[in-house]
C-alpha atoms as a PDB file:
ATOM      1  CA  MET A   1      15.538 -20.106  25.710  1.00  0.00           C
ATOM      2  CA  LEU A   2      13.030 -17.424  25.873  1.00  0.00           C
ATOM      3  CA  LEU A   3       9.960 -16.867  23.371  1.00  0.00           C
ATOM      4  CA  THR A   4       7.769 -13.896  22.556  1.00  0.00           C
ATOM      5  CA  ARG A   5       5.990 -12.616  20.708  1.00  0.00           C
ATOM      6  CA  LYS A   6       5.568  -8.942  19.891  1.00  0.00           C
ATOM      7  CA  SER A   7       4.244  -6.620  16.994  1.00  0.00           C
ATOM      8  CA  GLY A   8       3.979  -9.522  14.728  1.00  0.00           C
ATOM      9  CA  CYS A   9       7.258 -10.509  15.072  1.00  0.00           C
ATOM     10  CA  LYS A  10       8.564 -13.960  17.375  1.00  0.00           C
ATOM     11  CA  ILE A  11      12.089 -13.189  19.016  1.00  0.00           C
ATOM     12  CA  THR A  12      13.876 -16.017  19.940  1.00  0.00           C
ATOM     13  CA  THR A  13      16.681 -15.423  22.708  1.00  0.00           C
ATOM     14  CA  PHE A  14      18.604 -15.691  25.505  1.00  0.00           C
ATOM     15  CA  PRO A  15      18.808 -13.941  28.754  1.00  0.00           C
ATOM     16  CA  SER A  16      21.786 -11.777  29.205  1.00  0.00           C
ATOM     17  CA  ILE A  17      24.065 -12.787  32.403  1.00  0.00           C
ATOM     18  CA  HIS A  18      26.745 -10.656  31.339  1.00  0.00           C
ATOM     19  CA  LYS A  19      24.459  -7.594  30.850  1.00  0.00           C
ATOM     20  CA  ILE A  20      22.893  -7.565  34.602  1.00  0.00           C
ATOM     21  CA  PHE A  21      27.004  -8.450  35.888  1.00  0.00           C
ATOM     22  CA  SER A  22      27.792  -4.858  34.196  1.00  0.00           C
ATOM     23  CA  ILE A  23      24.866  -3.468  35.566  1.00  0.00           C
ATOM     24  CA  PHE A  24      26.130  -4.258  39.077  1.00  0.00           C
ATOM     25  CA  PHE A  25      29.359  -3.501  38.335  1.00  0.00           C
ATOM     26  CA  VAL A  26      28.837   0.250  37.149  1.00  0.00           C
ATOM     27  CA  PHE A  27      26.570   0.103  40.719  1.00  0.00           C
ATOM     28  CA  LEU A  28      29.877  -0.894  42.950  1.00  0.00           C
ATOM     29  CA  HIS A  29      32.392   1.349  41.056  1.00  0.00           C
ATOM     30  CA  PRO A  30      30.241   4.325  40.087  1.00  0.00           C
ATOM     31  CA  ASP A  31      34.158   5.526  38.689  1.00  0.00           C
ATOM     32  CA  MET A  32      34.102   3.100  36.002  1.00  0.00           C
ATOM     33  CA  ALA A  33      31.301   3.991  34.340  1.00  0.00           C
ATOM     34  CA  GLN A  34      32.892   5.807  31.617  1.00  0.00           C
ATOM     35  CA  PHE A  35      34.058   2.292  30.381  1.00  0.00           C
ATOM     36  CA  THR A  36      30.553   1.022  29.770  1.00  0.00           C
ATOM     37  CA  ASP A  37      31.166   3.041  26.066  1.00  0.00           C
ATOM     38  CA  ASN A  38      32.423   0.012  25.318  1.00  0.00           C
ATOM     39  CA  GLU A  39      29.499  -1.759  24.836  1.00  0.00           C
ATOM     40  CA  LEU A  40      27.817  -2.822  21.196  1.00  0.00           C
ATOM     41  CA  SER A  41      24.824  -3.810  19.851  1.00  0.00           C
ATOM     42  CA  ILE A  42      25.737  -5.749  16.581  1.00  0.00           C
ATOM     43  CA  LEU A  43      22.302  -5.738  14.353  1.00  0.00           C
ATOM     44  CA  ILE A  44      22.508  -8.114  10.951  1.00  0.00           C
ATOM     45  CA  PRO A  45      19.375  -7.612   8.851  1.00  0.00           C
ATOM     46  CA  THR A  46      18.800 -10.303   6.635  1.00  0.00           C
ATOM     47  CA  TYR A  47      15.994 -11.490   3.812  1.00  0.00           C
ATOM     48  CA  ASN A  48      16.861 -15.594   2.357  1.00  0.00           C
ATOM     49  CA  CYS A  49      20.528 -15.932   3.670  1.00  0.00           C
ATOM     50  CA  VAL A  50      21.944 -17.936   6.023  1.00  0.00           C
ATOM     51  CA  CYS A  51      24.435 -16.330   8.523  1.00  0.00           C
ATOM     52  CA  VAL A  52      25.019 -18.432  11.373  1.00  0.00           C
ATOM     53  CA  GLU A  53      28.335 -18.852  10.733  1.00  0.00           C
ATOM     54  CA  LEU A  54      29.464 -15.101  10.428  1.00  0.00           C
ATOM     55  CA  VAL A  55      27.751 -14.279  14.214  1.00  0.00           C
ATOM     56  CA  ARG A  56      29.352 -17.532  15.421  1.00  0.00           C
ATOM     57  CA  SER A  57      32.447 -15.687  14.024  1.00  0.00           C
ATOM     58  CA  LEU A  58      31.616 -12.056  15.441  1.00  0.00           C
ATOM     59  CA  HIS A  59      30.195 -13.847  18.955  1.00  0.00           C
ATOM     60  CA  GLN A  60      33.776 -15.224  19.068  1.00  0.00           C
ATOM     61  CA  GLN A  61      35.720 -11.780  18.841  1.00  0.00           C
ATOM     62  CA  ALA A  62      33.106 -10.220  20.948  1.00  0.00           C
ATOM     63  CA  MET A  63      33.918 -12.733  23.810  1.00  0.00           C
ATOM     64  CA  GLN A  64      37.483 -12.269  23.494  1.00  0.00           C
ATOM     65  CA  ALA A  65      37.020  -8.221  23.866  1.00  0.00           C
ATOM     66  CA  GLY A  66      34.960  -9.198  26.841  1.00  0.00           C
ATOM     67  CA  ILE A  67      32.683  -6.015  26.161  1.00  0.00           C
ATOM     68  CA  ASP A  68      29.117  -6.054  26.925  1.00  0.00           C
ATOM     69  CA  PHE A  69      27.335  -6.859  23.436  1.00  0.00           C
ATOM     70  CA  GLU A  70      24.671  -8.337  22.041  1.00  0.00           C
ATOM     71  CA  ILE A  71      24.036  -9.695  18.341  1.00  0.00           C
ATOM     72  CA  ILE A  72      20.379  -9.549  16.767  1.00  0.00           C
ATOM     73  CA  VAL A  73      19.857 -10.677  13.580  1.00  0.00           C
ATOM     74  CA  ALA A  74      16.370  -9.696  12.013  1.00  0.00           C
ATOM     75  CA  ASP A  75      14.707 -11.811   9.143  1.00  0.00           C
ATOM     76  CA  ASP A  76      13.058  -9.525   6.506  1.00  0.00           C
ATOM     77  CA  GLY A  77       9.905 -11.432   5.751  1.00  0.00           C
ATOM     78  CA  SER A  78      12.256 -14.552   3.844  1.00  0.00           C
ATOM     79  CA  THR A  79      10.495 -16.619   1.689  1.00  0.00           C
ATOM     80  CA  ASP A  80      12.894 -19.528   2.193  1.00  0.00           C
ATOM     81  CA  ALA A  81      11.874 -21.618   5.132  1.00  0.00           C
ATOM     82  CA  SER A  82      15.338 -23.876   5.142  1.00  0.00           C
ATOM     83  CA  ALA A  83      17.116 -20.274   6.051  1.00  0.00           C
ATOM     84  CA  ILE A  84      15.048 -19.171   8.850  1.00  0.00           C
ATOM     85  CA  GLN A  85      15.057 -22.561   9.743  1.00  0.00           C
ATOM     86  CA  ALA A  86      19.338 -22.764  10.268  1.00  0.00           C
ATOM     87  CA  ASN A  87      19.050 -18.664  11.074  1.00  0.00           C
ATOM     88  CA  ARG A  88      16.855 -20.210  14.390  1.00  0.00           C
ATOM     89  CA  GLU A  89      20.217 -21.592  15.767  1.00  0.00           C
ATOM     90  CA  ILE A  90      21.256 -18.133  16.447  1.00  0.00           C
ATOM     91  CA  ALA A  91      19.260 -17.599  19.578  1.00  0.00           C
ATOM     92  CA  THR A  92      21.186 -20.627  21.264  1.00  0.00           C
ATOM     93  CA  LEU A  93      24.483 -18.048  21.643  1.00  0.00           C
ATOM     94  CA  PRO A  94      24.658 -15.926  24.355  1.00  0.00           C
ATOM     95  CA  HIS A  95      23.638 -12.602  23.995  1.00  0.00           C
ATOM     96  CA  CYS A  96      21.958 -13.673  20.738  1.00  0.00           C
ATOM     97  CA  GLN A  97      18.755 -12.630  19.305  1.00  0.00           C
ATOM     98  CA  PHE A  98      16.664 -14.112  16.031  1.00  0.00           C
ATOM     99  CA  ILE A  99      13.789 -11.973  15.159  1.00  0.00           C
ATOM    100  CA  GLU A 100      11.491 -13.149  12.719  1.00  0.00           C
ATOM    101  CA  ARG A 101       9.234 -10.690  10.712  1.00  0.00           C
ATOM    102  CA  THR A 102       6.587 -11.944   8.663  1.00  0.00           C
ATOM    103  CA  GLU A 103       6.108  -9.038   6.358  1.00  0.00           C
ATOM    104  CA  ASN A 104       9.419  -7.441   4.252  1.00  0.00           C
ATOM    105  CA  SER A 105       9.284  -3.973   5.450  1.00  0.00           C
ATOM    106  CA  GLY A 106      12.241  -3.011   3.169  1.00  0.00           C
ATOM    107  CA  ARG A 107      15.531  -2.185   3.673  1.00  0.00           C
ATOM    108  CA  ALA A 108      15.675   1.013   5.465  1.00  0.00           C
ATOM    109  CA  ALA A 109      12.822   0.142   7.780  1.00  0.00           C
ATOM    110  CA  ILE A 110      14.215  -3.007   9.010  1.00  0.00           C
ATOM    111  CA  ARG A 111      17.828  -1.400  10.153  1.00  0.00           C
ATOM    112  CA  ASN A 112      15.890   1.436  11.701  1.00  0.00           C
ATOM    113  CA  PHE A 113      13.812  -1.667  13.450  1.00  0.00           C
ATOM    114  CA  LEU A 114      16.995  -2.645  14.880  1.00  0.00           C
ATOM    115  CA  ALA A 115      18.215   0.477  16.129  1.00  0.00           C
ATOM    116  CA  GLN A 116      15.204   0.592  18.139  1.00  0.00           C
ATOM    117  CA  LYS A 117      15.366  -3.168  19.187  1.00  0.00           C
ATOM    118  CA  ALA A 118      19.100  -2.378  20.483  1.00  0.00           C
ATOM    119  CA  SER A 119      20.235  -1.683  23.860  1.00  0.00           C
ATOM    120  CA  HIS A 120      23.906  -0.633  23.523  1.00  0.00           C
ATOM    121  CA  ALA A 121      25.902   2.444  22.646  1.00  0.00           C
ATOM    122  CA  TYR A 122      27.008   1.524  19.796  1.00  0.00           C
ATOM    123  CA  LEU A 123      25.939  -0.083  16.527  1.00  0.00           C
ATOM    124  CA  LEU A 124      27.481  -2.186  14.261  1.00  0.00           C
ATOM    125  CA  TYR A 125      25.379  -2.654  11.162  1.00  0.00           C
ATOM    126  CA  ILE A 126      26.305  -5.740   9.006  1.00  0.00           C
ATOM    127  CA  ASP A 127      24.903  -7.598   6.135  1.00  0.00           C
ATOM    128  CA  SER A 128      24.160 -10.900   6.323  1.00  0.00           C
ATOM    129  CA  ASP A 129      26.079 -11.962   3.385  1.00  0.00           C
ATOM    130  CA  MET A 130      29.266 -10.970   4.735  1.00  0.00           C
ATOM    131  CA  THR A 131      32.459 -12.746   5.902  1.00  0.00           C
ATOM    132  CA  VAL A 132      34.764 -11.671   8.757  1.00  0.00           C
ATOM    133  CA  ILE A 133      38.346 -12.455   7.570  1.00  0.00           C
ATOM    134  CA  SER A 134      40.422 -10.552  10.166  1.00  0.00           C
ATOM    135  CA  ASN A 135      40.934 -11.731  14.631  1.00  0.00           C
ATOM    136  CA  ASP A 136      40.940  -8.330  15.397  1.00  0.00           C
ATOM    137  CA  PHE A 137      38.098  -7.405  13.175  1.00  0.00           C
ATOM    138  CA  ILE A 138      35.671  -6.214  16.623  1.00  0.00           C
ATOM    139  CA  SER A 139      38.789  -4.931  18.434  1.00  0.00           C
ATOM    140  CA  ARG A 140      39.634  -2.444  15.798  1.00  0.00           C
ATOM    141  CA  TYR A 141      36.278  -0.826  16.016  1.00  0.00           C
ATOM    142  CA  LEU A 142      36.527  -0.773  19.662  1.00  0.00           C
ATOM    143  CA  ALA A 143      40.025   1.513  19.250  1.00  0.00           C
ATOM    144  CA  CYS A 144      37.727   4.021  17.228  1.00  0.00           C
ATOM    145  CA  LEU A 145      35.858   4.758  20.256  1.00  0.00           C
ATOM    146  CA  PRO A 146      34.170   7.181  21.055  1.00  0.00           C
ATOM    147  CA  ALA A 147      33.316   8.099  17.580  1.00  0.00           C
ATOM    148  CA  GLN A 148      30.055   9.206  15.796  1.00  0.00           C
ATOM    149  CA  VAL A 149      30.456   6.743  12.389  1.00  0.00           C
ATOM    150  CA  VAL A 150      33.345   4.823  11.384  1.00  0.00           C
ATOM    151  CA  ASP A 151      32.521   3.206   7.842  1.00  0.00           C
ATOM    152  CA  GLY A 152      35.677   0.040   7.854  1.00  0.00           C
ATOM    153  CA  GLY A 153      34.686  -0.843   3.872  1.00  0.00           C
ATOM    154  CA  VAL A 154      35.030  -4.655   2.257  1.00  0.00           C
ATOM    155  CA  ALA A 155      37.298  -6.879   0.877  1.00  0.00           C
ATOM    156  CA  ILE A 156      36.347  -8.230  -2.493  1.00  0.00           C
ATOM    157  CA  MET A 157      37.361 -12.123  -2.556  1.00  0.00           C
ATOM    158  CA  ALA A 158      36.831 -15.239  -4.544  1.00  0.00           C
ATOM    159  CA  ASP A 159      36.928 -18.810  -3.303  1.00  0.00           C
ATOM    160  CA  SER A 160      37.016 -20.310  -6.699  1.00  0.00           C
ATOM    161  CA  GLU A 161      37.825 -19.968 -10.741  1.00  0.00           C
ATOM    162  CA  GLU A 162      34.181 -20.236 -11.283  1.00  0.00           C
ATOM    163  CA  GLN A 163      33.409 -17.194  -8.703  1.00  0.00           C
ATOM    164  CA  LYS A 164      36.038 -14.982 -10.367  1.00  0.00           C
ATOM    165  CA  GLN A 165      33.453 -14.623 -14.011  1.00  0.00           C
ATOM    166  CA  LEU A 166      30.353 -13.811 -12.394  1.00  0.00           C
ATOM    167  CA  LEU A 167      29.397 -10.393 -13.515  1.00  0.00           C
ATOM    168  CA  ARG A 168      28.722  -9.201  -9.751  1.00  0.00           C
ATOM    169  CA  TYR A 169      32.352 -10.153  -8.599  1.00  0.00           C
ATOM    170  CA  ARG A 170      34.084  -8.804 -11.763  1.00  0.00           C
ATOM    171  CA  TYR A 171      32.545  -5.673 -11.292  1.00  0.00           C
ATOM    172  CA  GLU A 172      33.250  -5.621  -7.209  1.00  0.00           C
ATOM    173  CA  LYS A 173      36.848  -6.313  -8.105  1.00  0.00           C
ATOM    174  CA  ALA A 174      37.026  -3.306 -10.482  1.00  0.00           C
ATOM    175  CA  GLU A 175      35.387  -0.534  -8.362  1.00  0.00           C
ATOM    176  CA  GLU A 176      37.813  -2.222  -5.375  1.00  0.00           C
ATOM    177  CA  PRO A 177      40.717   0.367  -5.768  1.00  0.00           C
ATOM    178  CA  HIS A 178      38.208   3.327  -5.400  1.00  0.00           C
ATOM    179  CA  HIS A 179      36.968   2.099  -1.430  1.00  0.00           C
ATOM    180  CA  THR A 180      40.350   1.983   0.177  1.00  0.00           C
ATOM    181  CA  ALA A 181      39.917   4.207   3.340  1.00  0.00           C
ATOM    182  CA  THR A 182      42.033   6.811   1.920  1.00  0.00           C
ATOM    183  CA  GLU A 183      39.674   7.177  -1.509  1.00  0.00           C
ATOM    184  CA  ARG A 184      36.384   6.659   0.801  1.00  0.00           C
ATOM    185  CA  GLN A 185      37.623   9.609   3.128  1.00  0.00           C
ATOM    186  CA  LYS A 186      38.130  11.887  -0.077  1.00  0.00           C
ATOM    187  CA  THR A 187      34.222  12.334  -0.336  1.00  0.00           C
ATOM    188  CA  PRO A 188      33.085  10.467   2.900  1.00  0.00           C
ATOM    189  CA  TYR A 189      29.564  10.779   2.697  1.00  0.00           C
ATOM    190  CA  GLN A 190      29.046   9.761  -1.001  1.00  0.00           C
ATOM    191  CA  HIS A 191      30.958   7.234   0.223  1.00  0.00           C
ATOM    192  CA  LEU A 192      28.790   5.355   3.054  1.00  0.00           C
ATOM    193  CA  HIS A 193      27.885   1.522   3.174  1.00  0.00           C
ATOM    194  CA  THR A 194      25.901  -0.208   5.880  1.00  0.00           C
ATOM    195  CA  ALA A 195      27.473  -3.414   4.882  1.00  0.00           C
ATOM    196  CA  ASN A 196      29.969  -2.684   7.917  1.00  0.00           C
ATOM    197  CA  LEU A 197      29.544   0.921   9.529  1.00  0.00           C
ATOM    198  CA  LEU A 198      29.753   1.725  13.490  1.00  0.00           C
ATOM    199  CA  ILE A 199      27.433   4.290  14.682  1.00  0.00           C
ATOM    200  CA  ALA A 200      26.611   5.241  18.017  1.00  0.00           C
ATOM    201  CA  ARG A 201      23.295   4.384  18.620  1.00  0.00           C
ATOM    202  CA  GLU A 202      21.615   7.778  20.044  1.00  0.00           C
ATOM    203  CA  LEU A 203      22.437   9.312  16.660  1.00  0.00           C
ATOM    204  CA  MET A 204      21.189   6.692  14.968  1.00  0.00           C
ATOM    205  CA  LEU A 205      18.276   7.256  16.416  1.00  0.00           C
ATOM    206  CA  GLN A 206      18.142  11.353  15.574  1.00  0.00           C
ATOM    207  CA  HIS A 207      19.237  10.516  12.234  1.00  0.00           C
ATOM    208  CA  PRO A 208      16.852   7.136  11.055  1.00  0.00           C
ATOM    209  CA  PHE A 209      17.434   5.839   7.200  1.00  0.00           C
ATOM    210  CA  ASP A 210      14.247   7.025   4.729  1.00  0.00           C
ATOM    211  CA  GLU A 211      11.916   4.158   4.724  1.00  0.00           C
ATOM    212  CA  ARG A 212      10.568   5.830   1.661  1.00  0.00           C
ATOM    213  CA  LEU A 213      13.189   3.567  -0.013  1.00  0.00           C
ATOM    214  CA  ARG A 214      11.835   0.359  -0.031  1.00  0.00           C
ATOM    215  CA  HIS A 215      13.525  -1.191  -2.576  1.00  0.00           C
ATOM    216  CA  TYR A 216      16.953  -2.185  -3.404  1.00  0.00           C
ATOM    217  CA  GLY A 217      19.554   0.213  -2.790  1.00  0.00           C
ATOM    218  CA  TYR A 218      20.685   3.941  -1.809  1.00  0.00           C
ATOM    219  CA  GLU A 219      19.209   3.869   1.291  1.00  0.00           C
ATOM    220  CA  ASP A 220      22.837   4.408   2.491  1.00  0.00           C
ATOM    221  CA  VAL A 221      23.713   7.378   0.429  1.00  0.00           C
ATOM    222  CA  LEU A 222      20.979   9.263   1.501  1.00  0.00           C
ATOM    223  CA  LEU A 223      21.593   8.585   5.358  1.00  0.00           C
ATOM    224  CA  GLY A 224      25.329   9.970   4.374  1.00  0.00           C
ATOM    225  CA  LYS A 225      23.777  13.228   2.621  1.00  0.00           C
ATOM    226  CA  THR A 226      21.500  13.219   6.604  1.00  0.00           C
ATOM    227  CA  PHE A 227      24.889  13.546   8.001  1.00  0.00           C
ATOM    228  CA  GLN A 228      26.533  15.907   6.078  1.00  0.00           C
ATOM    229  CA  ARG A 229      23.633  18.160   6.297  1.00  0.00           C
ATOM    230  CA  ASN A 230      23.711  17.848  10.457  1.00  0.00           C
ATOM    231  CA  ARG A 231      27.798  17.924  10.154  1.00  0.00           C
ATOM    232  CA  ILE A 232      28.635  14.526  11.178  1.00  0.00           C
ATOM    233  CA  ARG A 233      32.017  13.486  10.942  1.00  0.00           C
ATOM    234  CA  ILE A 234      32.307   9.943   9.530  1.00  0.00           C
ATOM    235  CA  GLN A 235      35.641   8.217   9.414  1.00  0.00           C
ATOM    236  CA  HIS A 236      36.625   5.601   6.936  1.00  0.00           C
ATOM    237  CA  VAL A 237      39.136   3.365   7.698  1.00  0.00           C
ATOM    238  CA  ASP A 238      40.051  -0.028   6.861  1.00  0.00           C
ATOM    239  CA  ASN A 239      38.569  -2.784   8.921  1.00  0.00           C
ATOM    240  CA  PRO A 240      36.922  -4.635   6.260  1.00  0.00           C
ATOM    241  CA  LEU A 241      34.388  -7.445   6.351  1.00  0.00           C
ATOM    242  CA  GLY A 242      34.897  -9.853   2.943  1.00  0.00           C
ATOM    243  CA  PHE A 243      32.394  -9.589   0.283  1.00  0.00           C
ATOM    244  CA  CYS A 244      32.329 -13.306  -0.470  1.00  0.00           C
ATOM    245  CA  ILE A 245      29.600 -14.259  -1.986  1.00  0.00           C
ATOM    246  CA  PHE A 246      28.340 -13.620  -5.721  1.00  0.00           C
ATOM    247  CA  GLU A 247      24.607 -14.131  -6.919  1.00  0.00           C
ATOM    248  CA  SER A 248      24.142 -15.382 -10.418  1.00  0.00           C
ATOM    249  CA  ASN A 249      24.400 -12.994 -13.330  1.00  0.00           C
ATOM    250  CA  ALA A 250      20.766 -12.746 -13.870  1.00  0.00           C
ATOM    251  CA  LEU A 251      20.043 -12.015 -10.228  1.00  0.00           C
ATOM    252  CA  PHE A 252      22.692  -9.144 -10.720  1.00  0.00           C
ATOM    253  CA  VAL A 253      21.240  -7.523 -13.570  1.00  0.00           C
ATOM    254  CA  ALA A 254      17.514  -7.374 -12.054  1.00  0.00           C
ATOM    255  CA  LYS A 255      18.700  -6.204  -8.813  1.00  0.00           C
ATOM    256  CA  THR A 256      21.082  -3.435 -10.900  1.00  0.00           C
ATOM    257  CA  GLU A 257      17.510  -2.374 -12.863  1.00  0.00           C
ATOM    258  CA  GLU A 258      15.564  -2.177  -9.496  1.00  0.00           C
ATOM    259  CA  GLY A 259      18.598  -0.070  -7.816  1.00  0.00           C
ATOM    260  CA  LEU A 260      17.998   1.873 -10.855  1.00  0.00           C
ATOM    261  CA  ARG A 261      14.727   2.418 -10.757  1.00  0.00           C
ATOM    262  CA  THR A 262      15.282   3.439  -7.116  1.00  0.00           C
ATOM    263  CA  LEU A 263      18.180   6.273  -8.559  1.00  0.00           C
ATOM    264  CA  CYS A 264      15.383   7.367 -10.798  1.00  0.00           C
ATOM    265  CA  GLN A 265      12.615   8.198  -8.251  1.00  0.00           C
ATOM    266  CA  PHE A 266      14.820  10.024  -5.286  1.00  0.00           C
ATOM    267  CA  ARG A 267      16.727  11.395  -7.948  1.00  0.00           C
ATOM    268  CA  SER A 268      16.145  15.439  -6.656  1.00  0.00           C
ATOM    269  CA  ASP A 269      17.206  13.898  -3.058  1.00  0.00           C
ATOM    270  CA  LEU A 270      20.333  11.933  -4.972  1.00  0.00           C
ATOM    271  CA  ARG A 271      21.691  14.895  -6.333  1.00  0.00           C
ATOM    272  CA  GLY A 272      25.478  15.522  -5.698  1.00  0.00           C
ATOM    273  CA  TYR A 273      25.497  11.735  -3.876  1.00  0.00           C
ATOM    274  CA  SER A 274      25.466   9.566  -7.141  1.00  0.00           C
ATOM    275  CA  ARG A 275      27.996   8.567  -9.991  1.00  0.00           C
ATOM    276  CA  MET A 276      25.322   8.450 -12.496  1.00  0.00           C
ATOM    277  CA  LEU A 277      23.487  11.462 -11.829  1.00  0.00           C
ATOM    278  CA  THR A 278      26.124  13.652 -11.931  1.00  0.00           C
ATOM    279  CA  PHE A 279      27.682  11.704 -15.215  1.00  0.00           C
ATOM    280  CA  VAL A 280      24.180  12.119 -16.757  1.00  0.00           C
ATOM    281  CA  GLN A 281      24.204  15.503 -15.854  1.00  0.00           C
ATOM    282  CA  GLY A 282      27.516  16.742 -17.625  1.00  0.00           C
ATOM    283  CA  ILE A 283      25.759  15.781 -20.611  1.00  0.00           C
ATOM    284  CA  HIS A 284      24.638  19.120 -21.947  1.00  0.00           C
ATOM    285  CA  ILE A 285      23.962  17.907 -25.535  1.00  0.00           C
ATOM    286  CA  PRO A 286      20.829  16.116 -26.076  1.00  0.00           C
ATOM    287  CA  ALA A 287      21.327  14.980 -29.094  1.00  0.00           C
ATOM    288  CA  ILE A 288      23.835  12.731 -27.052  1.00  0.00           C
ATOM    289  CA  LEU A 289      21.368  11.895 -24.680  1.00  0.00           C
ATOM    290  CA  TRP A 290      19.339  10.792 -27.565  1.00  0.00           C
ATOM    291  CA  LEU A 291      21.529   8.983 -29.137  1.00  0.00           C
ATOM    292  CA  ILE A 292      22.334   7.065 -26.133  1.00  0.00           C
ATOM    293  CA  ARG A 293      18.662   5.635 -25.883  1.00  0.00           C
ATOM    294  CA  MET A 294      17.779   5.077 -29.093  1.00  0.00           C
ATOM    295  CA  PHE A 295      21.473   2.265 -28.285  1.00  0.00           C
ATOM    296  CA  HIS A 296      19.681   1.097 -25.532  1.00  0.00           C
ATOM    297  CA  LEU A 297      16.341   0.943 -27.208  1.00  0.00           C
ATOM    298  CA  VAL A 298      17.718  -1.237 -30.219  1.00  0.00           C
ATOM    299  CA  PHE A 299      20.432  -3.590 -28.494  1.00  0.00           C
ATOM    300  CA  GLY A 300      19.011  -3.124 -25.148  1.00  0.00           C
ATOM    301  CA  ALA A 301      17.968  -6.776 -25.307  1.00  0.00           C
ATOM    302  CA  THR A 302      21.191  -8.437 -26.872  1.00  0.00           C
ATOM    303  CA  ILE A 303      23.095  -6.669 -24.049  1.00  0.00           C
ATOM    304  CA  ARG A 304      21.341  -8.032 -21.139  1.00  0.00           C
ATOM    305  CA  ARG A 305      21.064 -11.973 -22.776  1.00  0.00           C
ATOM    306  CA  ASN A 306      25.144 -11.423 -22.610  1.00  0.00           C
ATOM    307  CA  LEU A 307      24.929 -10.451 -19.198  1.00  0.00           C
ATOM    308  CA  CYS A 308      23.076 -12.927 -17.869  1.00  0.00           C
ATOM    309  CA  GLY A 309      24.778 -15.587 -19.801  1.00  0.00           C
ATOM    310  CA  SER A 310      28.299 -17.042 -18.742  1.00  0.00           C
ATOM    311  CA  ARG A 311      30.718 -14.876 -20.261  1.00  0.00           C
ATOM    312  CA  PRO A 312      28.993 -11.256 -19.672  1.00  0.00           C
ATOM    313  CA  ILE A 313      31.407  -8.767 -20.446  1.00  0.00           C
ATOM    314  CA  LEU A 314      32.156  -5.527 -18.382  1.00  0.00           C
ATOM    315  CA  SER A 315      32.118  -3.104 -20.566  1.00  0.00           C
ATOM    316  CA  LEU A 316      28.644  -3.424 -21.997  1.00  0.00           C
ATOM    317  CA  PHE A 317      27.705  -3.831 -17.982  1.00  0.00           C
ATOM    318  CA  LYS A 318      28.573  -0.237 -17.535  1.00  0.00           C
ATOM    319  CA  ILE A 319      26.870   0.772 -21.146  1.00  0.00           C
ATOM    320  CA  TYR A 320      23.798  -1.038 -20.195  1.00  0.00           C
ATOM    321  CA  ARG A 321      23.437   0.919 -16.386  1.00  0.00           C
ATOM    322  CA  LEU A 322      23.412   4.201 -18.500  1.00  0.00           C
ATOM    323  CA  GLY A 323      21.215   3.189 -21.271  1.00  0.00           C
ATOM    324  CA  TYR A 324      18.872   2.148 -18.822  1.00  0.00           C
ATOM    325  CA  PHE A 325      18.671   4.607 -16.422  1.00  0.00           C
ATOM    326  CA  LEU A 326      18.495   7.538 -19.406  1.00  0.00           C
ATOM    327  CA  CYS A 327      14.948   5.683 -20.662  1.00  0.00           C
ATOM    328  CA  LEU A 328      14.025   5.808 -16.894  1.00  0.00           C
ATOM    329  CA  LEU A 329      14.684   9.027 -16.727  1.00  0.00           C
ATOM    330  CA  ASN A 330      12.590  10.024 -20.184  1.00  0.00           C
ATOM    331  CA  HIS A 331       9.459   7.995 -19.226  1.00  0.00           C
ATOM    332  CA  ARG A 332       9.389   9.744 -15.906  1.00  0.00           C
ATOM    333  CA  GLU A 333       9.938  13.309 -17.156  1.00  0.00           C
ATOM    334  CA  GLY A 334       7.833  12.762 -20.692  1.00  0.00           C
END
């Protein structure tokens, strides 16, 4: 095991014998150099989440694919010491690194950091709370190469009836029909998500995530906007990871509010890339906006208690989001 300290990070890793062999092989067979495109850096940012089983599943498939690969997991200043300790096991796997960062840099910055640490031609970004649900997940991505950007999507899954009652599950399940590859390809840039995203490393380094976004939400949406402006093609495919871990109702409501604050702050950048903004901009009668805000001010706290409770009403969640956002907008625009 190799332990080093650099730039405030502790890196736990094993030397990659496979990488040395690949370089030697290409030296002996220069006509085979084109096949080095089948190399992959799997990048997993994590925060207070144990992702050992996810890494094991990805590692097994990458080994079976016979490619040159690495898996880099970067902890972005987790406050849960038990999660950090559990994830240190990742470094015992060949070609794997676990990097511990002492300060939280934000969702955009940690992904840029991982891209800079990666050494292979293609990057596969995966959220740490995802689950591998197919035996050919890696090989199906490899079949897409060469490609610039490929979004595999997610499948909403629950292990128990208790999970199915959670607000996050019910919301994501209701939205799932809109997130098939066919639907996503209709508006490819607005549907870019980094939970399961393959991208060429050089492209990512040329067009990094916008690090102004430090809080929850929309860093991937702005990346999609950047790709559209630069005419970079996004291919959407059905190669999903399982979305199987759902937070408590109270935490999901809090994350939703944080995301809406991000949307309000960067609304000028996100115009045309957010359904919420498009909907609000389509309301041209000021009295209607005023009525929605007044409704939220009067009933918002009551609705929030319902959403955080054991029997949340999904339709109220959509009303709460709209009212919360309009109140934010009114406050910022005075």
